PDB file of all heavy atoms in Angstrom:
ATOM      1  N   SER A   1     -98.691  61.981  27.774  1.00  0.00           N
ATOM      2  CA  SER A   1     -99.564  63.088  27.408  1.00  0.00           C
ATOM      3  C   SER A   1     -99.672  63.171  25.896  1.00  0.00           C
ATOM      4  O   SER A   1     -98.793  63.718  25.223  1.00  0.00           O
ATOM      5  CB  SER A   1     -99.025  64.398  27.983  1.00  0.00           C
ATOM      6  OG  SER A   1     -99.873  65.481  27.651  1.00  0.00           O
ATOM      7  N   ILE A   2    -100.755  62.616  25.356  1.00  0.00           N
ATOM      8  CA  ILE A   2    -100.914  62.552  23.900  1.00  0.00           C
ATOM      9  C   ILE A   2    -101.816  63.645  23.370  1.00  0.00           C
ATOM     10  O   ILE A   2    -102.166  63.638  22.186  1.00  0.00           O
ATOM     11  CB  ILE A   2    -101.455  61.179  23.463  1.00  0.00           C
ATOM     12  CG1 ILE A   2    -102.837  60.930  24.074  1.00  0.00           C
ATOM     13  CG2 ILE A   2    -100.477  60.086  23.863  1.00  0.00           C
ATOM     14  CD1 ILE A   2    -103.506  59.675  23.558  1.00  0.00           C
ATOM     15  N   PHE A   3    -102.199  64.583  24.217  1.00  0.00           N
ATOM     16  CA  PHE A   3    -103.029  65.693  23.772  1.00  0.00           C
ATOM     17  C   PHE A   3    -102.326  66.457  22.657  1.00  0.00           C
ATOM     18  O   PHE A   3    -101.145  66.783  22.757  1.00  0.00           O
ATOM     19  CB  PHE A   3    -103.336  66.632  24.941  1.00  0.00           C
ATOM     20  CG  PHE A   3    -104.180  67.814  24.571  1.00  0.00           C
ATOM     21  CD1 PHE A   3    -105.538  67.672  24.348  1.00  0.00           C
ATOM     22  CD2 PHE A   3    -103.617  69.076  24.446  1.00  0.00           C
ATOM     23  CE1 PHE A   3    -106.329  68.759  24.012  1.00  0.00           C
ATOM     24  CE2 PHE A   3    -104.395  70.170  24.105  1.00  0.00           C
ATOM     25  CZ  PHE A   3    -105.759  70.013  23.887  1.00  0.00           C
ATOM     26  N   SER A   4    -103.061  66.725  21.595  1.00  0.00           N
ATOM     27  CA  SER A   4    -102.602  67.464  20.420  1.00  0.00           C
ATOM     28  C   SER A   4    -101.649  66.673  19.531  1.00  0.00           C
ATOM     29  O   SER A   4    -101.105  67.225  18.575  1.00  0.00           O
ATOM     30  CB  SER A   4    -101.940  68.786  20.815  1.00  0.00           C
ATOM     31  OG  SER A   4    -102.894  69.662  21.403  1.00  0.00           O
ATOM     32  N   ILE A   5    -101.434  65.386  19.838  1.00  0.00           N
ATOM     33  CA  ILE A   5    -100.700  64.532  18.907  1.00  0.00           C
ATOM     34  C   ILE A   5    -101.558  64.357  17.660  1.00  0.00           C
ATOM     35  O   ILE A   5    -102.711  63.946  17.730  1.00  0.00           O
ATOM     36  CB  ILE A   5    -100.366  63.170  19.524  1.00  0.00           C
ATOM     37  CG1 ILE A   5     -99.339  63.321  20.643  1.00  0.00           C
ATOM     38  CG2 ILE A   5     -99.856  62.210  18.455  1.00  0.00           C
ATOM     39  CD1 ILE A   5     -97.964  63.713  20.154  1.00  0.00           C
ATOM     40  N   ASP A   6    -100.996  64.686  16.518  1.00  0.00           N
ATOM     41  CA  ASP A   6    -101.738  64.610  15.266  1.00  0.00           C
ATOM     42  C   ASP A   6    -101.076  63.621  14.320  1.00  0.00           C
ATOM     43  O   ASP A   6    -101.480  62.466  14.228  1.00  0.00           O
ATOM     44  CB  ASP A   6    -101.836  65.994  14.627  1.00  0.00           C
ATOM     45  CG  ASP A   6    -102.726  66.014  13.389  1.00  0.00           C
ATOM     46  OD1 ASP A   6    -103.244  64.955  12.985  1.00  0.00           O
ATOM     47  OD2 ASP A   6    -102.904  67.107  12.811  1.00  0.00           O
ATOM     48  N   HIS A   7    -100.054  64.070  13.634  1.00  0.00           N
ATOM     49  CA  HIS A   7     -99.406  63.236  12.639  1.00  0.00           C
ATOM     50  C   HIS A   7     -98.480  62.214  13.281  1.00  0.00           C
ATOM     51  O   HIS A   7     -97.737  62.518  14.216  1.00  0.00           O
ATOM     52  CB  HIS A   7     -98.615  64.114  11.668  1.00  0.00           C
ATOM     53  CG  HIS A   7     -98.169  63.401  10.448  1.00  0.00           C
ATOM     54  ND1 HIS A   7     -96.957  62.741  10.385  1.00  0.00           N
ATOM     55  CD2 HIS A   7     -98.764  63.240   9.246  1.00  0.00           C
ATOM     56  CE1 HIS A   7     -96.829  62.207   9.189  1.00  0.00           C
ATOM     57  NE2 HIS A   7     -97.904  62.494   8.483  1.00  0.00           N
ATOM     58  N   MET A   8     -98.532  60.999  12.768  1.00  0.00           N
ATOM     59  CA  MET A   8     -97.609  59.954  13.166  1.00  0.00           C
ATOM     60  C   MET A   8     -97.018  59.337  11.910  1.00  0.00           C
ATOM     61  O   MET A   8     -97.645  59.363  10.846  1.00  0.00           O
ATOM     62  CB  MET A   8     -98.289  58.881  14.012  1.00  0.00           C
ATOM     63  CG  MET A   8     -98.860  59.400  15.321  1.00  0.00           C
ATOM     64  SD  MET A   8     -99.468  58.092  16.402  1.00  0.00           S
ATOM     65  CE  MET A   8     -97.920  57.261  16.814  1.00  0.00           C
ATOM     66  N   GLY A   9     -95.826  58.802  12.040  1.00  0.00           N
ATOM     67  CA  GLY A   9     -95.189  58.256  10.863  1.00  0.00           C
ATOM     68  C   GLY A   9     -94.099  57.261  11.184  1.00  0.00           C
ATOM     69  O   GLY A   9     -93.714  57.070  12.341  1.00  0.00           O
ATOM     70  N   TRP A  10     -93.635  56.629  10.130  1.00  0.00           N
ATOM     71  CA  TRP A  10     -92.513  55.710  10.196  1.00  0.00           C
ATOM     72  C   TRP A  10     -91.391  56.222   9.321  1.00  0.00           C
ATOM     73  O   TRP A  10     -91.617  56.578   8.156  1.00  0.00           O
ATOM     74  CB  TRP A  10     -92.920  54.303   9.748  1.00  0.00           C
ATOM     75  CG  TRP A  10     -93.851  53.617  10.694  1.00  0.00           C
ATOM     76  CD1 TRP A  10     -95.208  53.588  10.648  1.00  0.00           C
ATOM     77  CD2 TRP A  10     -93.472  52.851  11.834  1.00  0.00           C
ATOM     78  NE1 TRP A  10     -95.709  52.853  11.686  1.00  0.00           N
ATOM     79  CE2 TRP A  10     -94.665  52.382  12.433  1.00  0.00           C
ATOM     80  CE3 TRP A  10     -92.252  52.508  12.410  1.00  0.00           C
ATOM     81  CZ2 TRP A  10     -94.656  51.591  13.582  1.00  0.00           C
ATOM     82  CZ3 TRP A  10     -92.248  51.732  13.552  1.00  0.00           C
ATOM     83  CH2 TRP A  10     -93.444  51.284  14.119  1.00  0.00           C
ATOM     84  N   TYR A  11     -90.206  56.274   9.877  1.00  0.00           N
ATOM     85  CA  TYR A  11     -89.002  56.653   9.166  1.00  0.00           C
ATOM     86  C   TYR A  11     -88.039  55.478   9.171  1.00  0.00           C
ATOM     87  O   TYR A  11     -88.157  54.568   9.983  1.00  0.00           O
ATOM     88  CB  TYR A  11     -88.334  57.863   9.823  1.00  0.00           C
ATOM     89  CG  TYR A  11     -89.104  59.158   9.705  1.00  0.00           C
ATOM     90  CD1 TYR A  11     -90.261  59.370  10.438  1.00  0.00           C
ATOM     91  CD2 TYR A  11     -88.660  60.181   8.874  1.00  0.00           C
ATOM     92  CE1 TYR A  11     -90.965  60.560  10.342  1.00  0.00           C
ATOM     93  CE2 TYR A  11     -89.354  61.375   8.770  1.00  0.00           C
ATOM     94  CZ  TYR A  11     -90.503  61.556   9.510  1.00  0.00           C
ATOM     95  OH  TYR A  11     -91.187  62.747   9.405  1.00  0.00           O
ATOM     96  N   ARG A  12     -87.085  55.510   8.269  1.00  0.00           N
ATOM     97  CA  ARG A  12     -86.060  54.472   8.272  1.00  0.00           C
ATOM     98  C   ARG A  12     -84.724  55.071   7.884  1.00  0.00           C
ATOM     99  O   ARG A  12     -84.647  56.090   7.198  1.00  0.00           O
ATOM    100  CB  ARG A  12     -86.419  53.324   7.334  1.00  0.00           C
ATOM    101  CG  ARG A  12     -86.383  53.663   5.853  1.00  0.00           C
ATOM    102  CD  ARG A  12     -86.872  52.487   5.028  1.00  0.00           C
ATOM    103  NE  ARG A  12     -86.845  52.767   3.599  1.00  0.00           N
ATOM    104  CZ  ARG A  12     -87.344  51.963   2.663  1.00  0.00           C
ATOM    105  NH1 ARG A  12     -87.924  50.813   3.019  1.00  0.00           N
ATOM    106  NH2 ARG A  12     -87.270  52.297   1.381  1.00  0.00           N
ATOM    107  N   GLN A  13     -83.668  54.422   8.346  1.00  0.00           N
ATOM    108  CA  GLN A  13     -82.321  54.840   8.024  1.00  0.00           C
ATOM    109  C   GLN A  13     -81.481  53.607   7.737  1.00  0.00           C
ATOM    110  O   GLN A  13     -81.292  52.761   8.607  1.00  0.00           O
ATOM    111  CB  GLN A  13     -81.706  55.652   9.158  1.00  0.00           C
ATOM    112  CG  GLN A  13     -80.357  56.255   8.814  1.00  0.00           C
ATOM    113  CD  GLN A  13     -79.923  57.312   9.809  1.00  0.00           C
ATOM    114  OE1 GLN A  13     -80.383  57.323  10.947  1.00  0.00           O
ATOM    115  NE2 GLN A  13     -79.046  58.202   9.378  1.00  0.00           N
ATOM    116  N   ALA A  14     -81.010  53.520   6.515  1.00  0.00           N
ATOM    117  CA  ALA A  14     -80.146  52.432   6.096  1.00  0.00           C
ATOM    118  C   ALA A  14     -78.690  52.838   6.291  1.00  0.00           C
ATOM    119  O   ALA A  14     -78.376  54.034   6.335  1.00  0.00           O
ATOM    120  CB  ALA A  14     -80.411  52.073   4.638  1.00  0.00           C
ATOM    121  N   PRO A  15     -77.791  51.867   6.402  1.00  0.00           N
ATOM    122  CA  PRO A  15     -76.370  52.197   6.573  1.00  0.00           C
ATOM    123  C   PRO A  15     -75.863  53.100   5.455  1.00  0.00           C
ATOM    124  O   PRO A  15     -76.069  52.823   4.275  1.00  0.00           O
ATOM    125  CB  PRO A  15     -75.690  50.832   6.535  1.00  0.00           C
ATOM    126  CG  PRO A  15     -76.740  49.878   6.991  1.00  0.00           C
ATOM    127  CD  PRO A  15     -78.022  50.421   6.439  1.00  0.00           C
ATOM    128  N   GLY A  16     -75.218  54.190   5.845  1.00  0.00           N
ATOM    129  CA  GLY A  16     -74.661  55.115   4.880  1.00  0.00           C
ATOM    130  C   GLY A  16     -75.659  56.016   4.194  1.00  0.00           C
ATOM    131  O   GLY A  16     -75.282  56.755   3.274  1.00  0.00           O
ATOM    132  N   LYS A  17     -76.919  55.987   4.623  1.00  0.00           N
ATOM    133  CA  LYS A  17     -77.948  56.802   3.999  1.00  0.00           C
ATOM    134  C   LYS A  17     -78.625  57.701   5.039  1.00  0.00           C
ATOM    135  O   LYS A  17     -78.528  57.480   6.240  1.00  0.00           O
ATOM    136  CB  LYS A  17     -78.997  55.932   3.305  1.00  0.00           C
ATOM    137  CG  LYS A  17     -78.464  55.078   2.176  1.00  0.00           C
ATOM    138  CD  LYS A  17     -79.561  54.276   1.511  1.00  0.00           C
ATOM    139  CE  LYS A  17     -80.553  55.167   0.794  1.00  0.00           C
ATOM    140  NZ  LYS A  17     -81.596  54.373   0.078  1.00  0.00           N
ATOM    141  N   GLN A  18     -79.315  58.718   4.549  1.00  0.00           N
ATOM    142  CA  GLN A  18     -80.023  59.657   5.407  1.00  0.00           C
ATOM    143  C   GLN A  18     -81.363  59.076   5.843  1.00  0.00           C
ATOM    144  O   GLN A  18     -81.972  58.278   5.127  1.00  0.00           O
ATOM    145  CB  GLN A  18     -80.225  60.973   4.655  1.00  0.00           C
ATOM    146  CG  GLN A  18     -80.416  62.183   5.535  1.00  0.00           C
ATOM    147  CD  GLN A  18     -80.275  63.483   4.753  1.00  0.00           C
ATOM    148  OE1 GLN A  18     -80.475  63.516   3.541  1.00  0.00           O
ATOM    149  NE2 GLN A  18     -79.936  64.551   5.447  1.00  0.00           N
ATOM    150  N   ARG A  19     -81.821  59.483   7.021  1.00  0.00           N
ATOM    151  CA  ARG A  19     -83.130  59.050   7.487  1.00  0.00           C
ATOM    152  C   ARG A  19     -84.206  59.616   6.565  1.00  0.00           C
ATOM    153  O   ARG A  19     -84.176  60.789   6.195  1.00  0.00           O
ATOM    154  CB  ARG A  19     -83.364  59.502   8.923  1.00  0.00           C
ATOM    155  CG  ARG A  19     -84.659  58.992   9.528  1.00  0.00           C
ATOM    156  CD  ARG A  19     -84.797  59.383  10.993  1.00  0.00           C
ATOM    157  NE  ARG A  19     -83.741  58.815  11.814  1.00  0.00           N
ATOM    158  CZ  ARG A  19     -83.714  58.882  13.138  1.00  0.00           C
ATOM    159  NH1 ARG A  19     -84.697  59.478  13.792  1.00  0.00           N
ATOM    160  NH2 ARG A  19     -82.698  58.350  13.810  1.00  0.00           N
ATOM    161  N   GLU A  20     -85.171  58.775   6.200  1.00  0.00           N
ATOM    162  CA  GLU A  20     -86.212  59.176   5.277  1.00  0.00           C
ATOM    163  C   GLU A  20     -87.587  58.791   5.798  1.00  0.00           C
ATOM    164  O   GLU A  20     -87.743  57.812   6.529  1.00  0.00           O
ATOM    165  CB  GLU A  20     -85.990  58.537   3.900  1.00  0.00           C
ATOM    166  CG  GLU A  20     -86.086  57.021   3.904  1.00  0.00           C
ATOM    167  CD  GLU A  20     -86.003  56.409   2.516  1.00  0.00           C
ATOM    168  OE1 GLU A  20     -86.112  57.151   1.524  1.00  0.00           O
ATOM    169  OE2 GLU A  20     -85.830  55.173   2.426  1.00  0.00           O
ATOM    170  N   LEU A  21     -88.577  59.559   5.394  1.00  0.00           N
ATOM    171  CA  LEU A  21     -89.957  59.244   5.727  1.00  0.00           C
ATOM    172  C   LEU A  21     -90.436  58.095   4.858  1.00  0.00           C
ATOM    173  O   LEU A  21     -90.350  58.158   3.634  1.00  0.00           O
ATOM    174  CB  LEU A  21     -90.856  60.462   5.527  1.00  0.00           C
ATOM    175  CG  LEU A  21     -92.357  60.240   5.730  1.00  0.00           C
ATOM    176  CD1 LEU A  21     -92.653  59.910   7.185  1.00  0.00           C
ATOM    177  CD2 LEU A  21     -93.153  61.455   5.288  1.00  0.00           C
ATOM    178  N   VAL A  22     -90.946  57.056   5.499  1.00  0.00           N
ATOM    179  CA  VAL A  22     -91.491  55.902   4.796  1.00  0.00           C
ATOM    180  C   VAL A  22     -92.987  56.058   4.592  1.00  0.00           C
ATOM    181  O   VAL A  22     -93.508  55.870   3.485  1.00  0.00           O
ATOM    182  CB  VAL A  22     -91.198  54.599   5.549  1.00  0.00           C
ATOM    183  CG1 VAL A  22     -91.821  53.402   4.835  1.00  0.00           C
ATOM    184  CG2 VAL A  22     -89.694  54.406   5.702  1.00  0.00           C
ATOM    185  N   ALA A  23     -93.701  56.379   5.653  1.00  0.00           N
ATOM    186  CA  ALA A  23     -95.152  56.524   5.602  1.00  0.00           C
ATOM    187  C   ALA A  23     -95.610  57.415   6.730  1.00  0.00           C
ATOM    188  O   ALA A  23     -95.026  57.417   7.813  1.00  0.00           O
ATOM    189  CB  ALA A  23     -95.847  55.163   5.681  1.00  0.00           C
ATOM    190  N   GLY A  24     -96.665  58.182   6.486  1.00  0.00           N
ATOM    191  CA  GLY A  24     -97.235  59.040   7.503  1.00  0.00           C
ATOM    192  C   GLY A  24     -98.745  58.926   7.515  1.00  0.00           C
ATOM    193  O   GLY A  24     -99.362  58.564   6.511  1.00  0.00           O
ATOM    194  N   ILE A  25     -99.335  59.246   8.662  1.00  0.00           N
ATOM    195  CA  ILE A  25    -100.784  59.193   8.797  1.00  0.00           C
ATOM    196  C   ILE A  25    -101.229  60.285   9.761  1.00  0.00           C
ATOM    197  O   ILE A  25    -100.624  60.504  10.808  1.00  0.00           O
ATOM    198  CB  ILE A  25    -101.253  57.795   9.269  1.00  0.00           C
ATOM    199  CG1 ILE A  25    -102.782  57.701   9.265  1.00  0.00           C
ATOM    200  CG2 ILE A  25    -100.677  57.446  10.640  1.00  0.00           C
ATOM    201  CD1 ILE A  25    -103.291  56.280   9.414  1.00  0.00           C
ATOM    202  N   SER A  26    -102.293  60.994   9.405  1.00  0.00           N
ATOM    203  CA  SER A  26    -102.833  62.047  10.242  1.00  0.00           C
ATOM    204  C   SER A  26    -103.839  61.474  11.228  1.00  0.00           C
ATOM    205  O   SER A  26    -104.234  60.309  11.139  1.00  0.00           O
ATOM    206  CB  SER A  26    -103.497  63.122   9.379  1.00  0.00           C
ATOM    207  OG  SER A  26    -104.701  62.637   8.820  1.00  0.00           O
ATOM    208  N   SER A  27    -104.263  62.309  12.166  1.00  0.00           N
ATOM    209  CA  SER A  27    -105.267  61.869  13.128  1.00  0.00           C
ATOM    210  C   SER A  27    -106.579  61.519  12.446  1.00  0.00           C
ATOM    211  O   SER A  27    -107.341  60.698  12.963  1.00  0.00           O
ATOM    212  CB  SER A  27    -105.500  62.946  14.186  1.00  0.00           C
ATOM    213  OG  SER A  27    -105.967  64.155  13.602  1.00  0.00           O
ATOM    214  N   GLY A  28    -106.835  62.123  11.287  1.00  0.00           N
ATOM    215  CA  GLY A  28    -108.040  61.838  10.535  1.00  0.00           C
ATOM    216  C   GLY A  28    -107.938  60.637   9.625  1.00  0.00           C
ATOM    217  O   GLY A  28    -108.932  60.241   9.015  1.00  0.00           O
ATOM    218  N   GLY A  29    -106.742  60.060   9.513  1.00  0.00           N
ATOM    219  CA  GLY A  29    -106.573  58.849   8.738  1.00  0.00           C
ATOM    220  C   GLY A  29    -106.004  59.030   7.344  1.00  0.00           C
ATOM    221  O   GLY A  29    -105.849  58.041   6.616  1.00  0.00           O
ATOM    222  N   SER A  30    -105.703  60.256   6.944  1.00  0.00           N
ATOM    223  CA  SER A  30    -105.087  60.448   5.638  1.00  0.00           C
ATOM    224  C   SER A  30    -103.643  59.973   5.675  1.00  0.00           C
ATOM    225  O   SER A  30    -102.945  60.151   6.675  1.00  0.00           O
ATOM    226  CB  SER A  30    -105.170  61.906   5.203  1.00  0.00           C
ATOM    227  OG  SER A  30    -104.490  62.743   6.124  1.00  0.00           O
ATOM    228  N   THR A  31    -103.180  59.380   4.588  1.00  0.00           N
ATOM    229  CA  THR A  31    -101.870  58.747   4.553  1.00  0.00           C
ATOM    230  C   THR A  31    -101.023  59.266   3.406  1.00  0.00           C
ATOM    231  O   THR A  31    -101.534  59.787   2.412  1.00  0.00           O
ATOM    232  CB  THR A  31    -101.997  57.225   4.417  1.00  0.00           C
ATOM    233  OG1 THR A  31    -102.697  56.915   3.207  1.00  0.00           O
ATOM    234  CG2 THR A  31    -102.768  56.647   5.602  1.00  0.00           C
ATOM    235  N   ASN A  32     -99.724  59.095   3.560  1.00  0.00           N
ATOM    236  CA  ASN A  32     -98.793  59.380   2.490  1.00  0.00           C
ATOM    237  C   ASN A  32     -97.633  58.400   2.592  1.00  0.00           C
ATOM    238  O   ASN A  32     -97.279  57.953   3.684  1.00  0.00           O
ATOM    239  CB  ASN A  32     -98.300  60.828   2.523  1.00  0.00           C
ATOM    240  CG  ASN A  32     -97.561  61.170   3.800  1.00  0.00           C
ATOM    241  OD1 ASN A  32     -98.168  61.316   4.859  1.00  0.00           O
ATOM    242  ND2 ASN A  32     -96.239  61.306   3.709  1.00  0.00           N
ATOM    243  N   TYR A  33     -97.028  58.084   1.443  1.00  0.00           N
ATOM    244  CA  TYR A  33     -95.986  57.075   1.378  1.00  0.00           C
ATOM    245  C   TYR A  33     -94.838  57.541   0.510  1.00  0.00           C
ATOM    246  O   TYR A  33     -95.017  58.303  -0.444  1.00  0.00           O
ATOM    247  CB  TYR A  33     -96.522  55.769   0.785  1.00  0.00           C
ATOM    248  CG  TYR A  33     -97.609  55.105   1.590  1.00  0.00           C
ATOM    249  CD1 TYR A  33     -98.948  55.395   1.345  1.00  0.00           C
ATOM    250  CD2 TYR A  33     -97.300  54.185   2.579  1.00  0.00           C
ATOM    251  CE1 TYR A  33     -99.950  54.792   2.081  1.00  0.00           C
ATOM    252  CE2 TYR A  33     -98.300  53.577   3.320  1.00  0.00           C
ATOM    253  CZ  TYR A  33     -99.620  53.884   3.060  1.00  0.00           C
ATOM    254  OH  TYR A  33    -100.614  53.275   3.790  1.00  0.00           O
ATOM    255  N   ALA A  34     -93.663  57.050   0.834  1.00  0.00           N
ATOM    256  CA  ALA A  34     -92.541  57.215  -0.063  1.00  0.00           C
ATOM    257  C   ALA A  34     -92.799  56.422  -1.336  1.00  0.00           C
ATOM    258  O   ALA A  34     -93.414  55.354  -1.305  1.00  0.00           O
ATOM    259  CB  ALA A  34     -91.244  56.742   0.594  1.00  0.00           C
ATOM    260  N   ASP A  35     -92.332  56.948  -2.458  1.00  0.00           N
ATOM    261  CA  ASP A  35     -92.566  56.273  -3.729  1.00  0.00           C
ATOM    262  C   ASP A  35     -92.024  54.842  -3.729  1.00  0.00           C
ATOM    263  O   ASP A  35     -92.600  53.951  -4.359  1.00  0.00           O
ATOM    264  CB  ASP A  35     -91.928  57.057  -4.875  1.00  0.00           C
ATOM    265  CG  ASP A  35     -92.657  58.350  -5.181  1.00  0.00           C
ATOM    266  OD1 ASP A  35     -93.838  58.477  -4.805  1.00  0.00           O
ATOM    267  OD2 ASP A  35     -92.041  59.237  -5.803  1.00  0.00           O
ATOM    268  N   SER A  36     -90.948  54.620  -3.014  1.00  0.00           N
ATOM    269  CA  SER A  36     -90.300  53.322  -3.023  1.00  0.00           C
ATOM    270  C   SER A  36     -91.113  52.229  -2.336  1.00  0.00           C
ATOM    271  O   SER A  36     -90.835  51.043  -2.541  1.00  0.00           O
ATOM    272  CB  SER A  36     -88.921  53.415  -2.361  1.00  0.00           C
ATOM    273  OG  SER A  36     -89.027  53.864  -1.026  1.00  0.00           O
ATOM    274  N   VAL A  37     -92.107  52.606  -1.529  1.00  0.00           N
ATOM    275  CA  VAL A  37     -92.878  51.607  -0.790  1.00  0.00           C
ATOM    276  C   VAL A  37     -94.343  51.589  -1.173  1.00  0.00           C
ATOM    277  O   VAL A  37     -95.096  50.751  -0.653  1.00  0.00           O
ATOM    278  CB  VAL A  37     -92.744  51.802   0.733  1.00  0.00           C
ATOM    279  CG1 VAL A  37     -91.284  51.850   1.146  1.00  0.00           C
ATOM    280  CG2 VAL A  37     -93.477  53.066   1.187  1.00  0.00           C
ATOM    281  N   LYS A  38     -94.767  52.462  -2.053  1.00  0.00           N
ATOM    282  CA  LYS A  38     -96.170  52.505  -2.456  1.00  0.00           C
ATOM    283  C   LYS A  38     -96.601  51.176  -3.050  1.00  0.00           C
ATOM    284  O   LYS A  38     -95.906  50.593  -3.878  1.00  0.00           O
ATOM    285  CB  LYS A  38     -96.405  53.632  -3.463  1.00  0.00           C
ATOM    286  CG  LYS A  38     -96.386  55.018  -2.860  1.00  0.00           C
ATOM    287  CD  LYS A  38     -96.661  56.086  -3.917  1.00  0.00           C
ATOM    288  CE  LYS A  38     -96.674  57.468  -3.298  1.00  0.00           C
ATOM    289  NZ  LYS A  38     -96.881  58.530  -4.323  1.00  0.00           N
ATOM    290  N   GLY A  39     -97.755  50.707  -2.617  1.00  0.00           N
ATOM    291  CA  GLY A  39     -98.272  49.439  -3.079  1.00  0.00           C
ATOM    292  C   GLY A  39     -97.779  48.247  -2.299  1.00  0.00           C
ATOM    293  O   GLY A  39     -98.319  47.142  -2.467  1.00  0.00           O
ATOM    294  N   ARG A  40     -96.766  48.436  -1.457  1.00  0.00           N
ATOM    295  CA  ARG A  40     -96.208  47.339  -0.672  1.00  0.00           C
ATOM    296  C   ARG A  40     -96.418  47.530   0.831  1.00  0.00           C
ATOM    297  O   ARG A  40     -96.630  46.555   1.547  1.00  0.00           O
ATOM    298  CB  ARG A  40     -94.716  47.175  -0.951  1.00  0.00           C
ATOM    299  CG  ARG A  40     -94.390  46.877  -2.407  1.00  0.00           C
ATOM    300  CD  ARG A  40     -92.919  46.538  -2.589  1.00  0.00           C
ATOM    301  NE  ARG A  40     -92.052  47.660  -2.215  1.00  0.00           N
ATOM    302  CZ  ARG A  40     -91.132  47.608  -1.251  1.00  0.00           C
ATOM    303  NH1 ARG A  40     -90.955  46.489  -0.556  1.00  0.00           N
ATOM    304  NH2 ARG A  40     -90.380  48.669  -0.999  1.00  0.00           N
ATOM    305  N   PHE A  41     -96.327  48.768   1.298  1.00  0.00           N
ATOM    306  CA  PHE A  41     -96.470  49.069   2.721  1.00  0.00           C
ATOM    307  C   PHE A  41     -97.812  49.741   2.983  1.00  0.00           C
ATOM    308  O   PHE A  41     -98.326  50.487   2.139  1.00  0.00           O
ATOM    309  CB  PHE A  41     -95.361  50.012   3.201  1.00  0.00           C
ATOM    310  CG  PHE A  41     -93.984  49.409   3.234  1.00  0.00           C
ATOM    311  CD1 PHE A  41     -93.718  48.166   2.679  1.00  0.00           C
ATOM    312  CD2 PHE A  41     -92.943  50.106   3.830  1.00  0.00           C
ATOM    313  CE1 PHE A  41     -92.447  47.622   2.712  1.00  0.00           C
ATOM    314  CE2 PHE A  41     -91.669  49.573   3.873  1.00  0.00           C
ATOM    315  CZ  PHE A  41     -91.421  48.331   3.312  1.00  0.00           C
TER     316      PHE A  41
END
């Protein structure tokens, strides 16, 4: 049931570190990225 699903994203968790948002995208296609991956992902 994907009704009302809007934002989707990718998170990552490295050993010994907290889970962080890598990239997100809205249903309309707007995106946001972590500074560490901008220009690469």
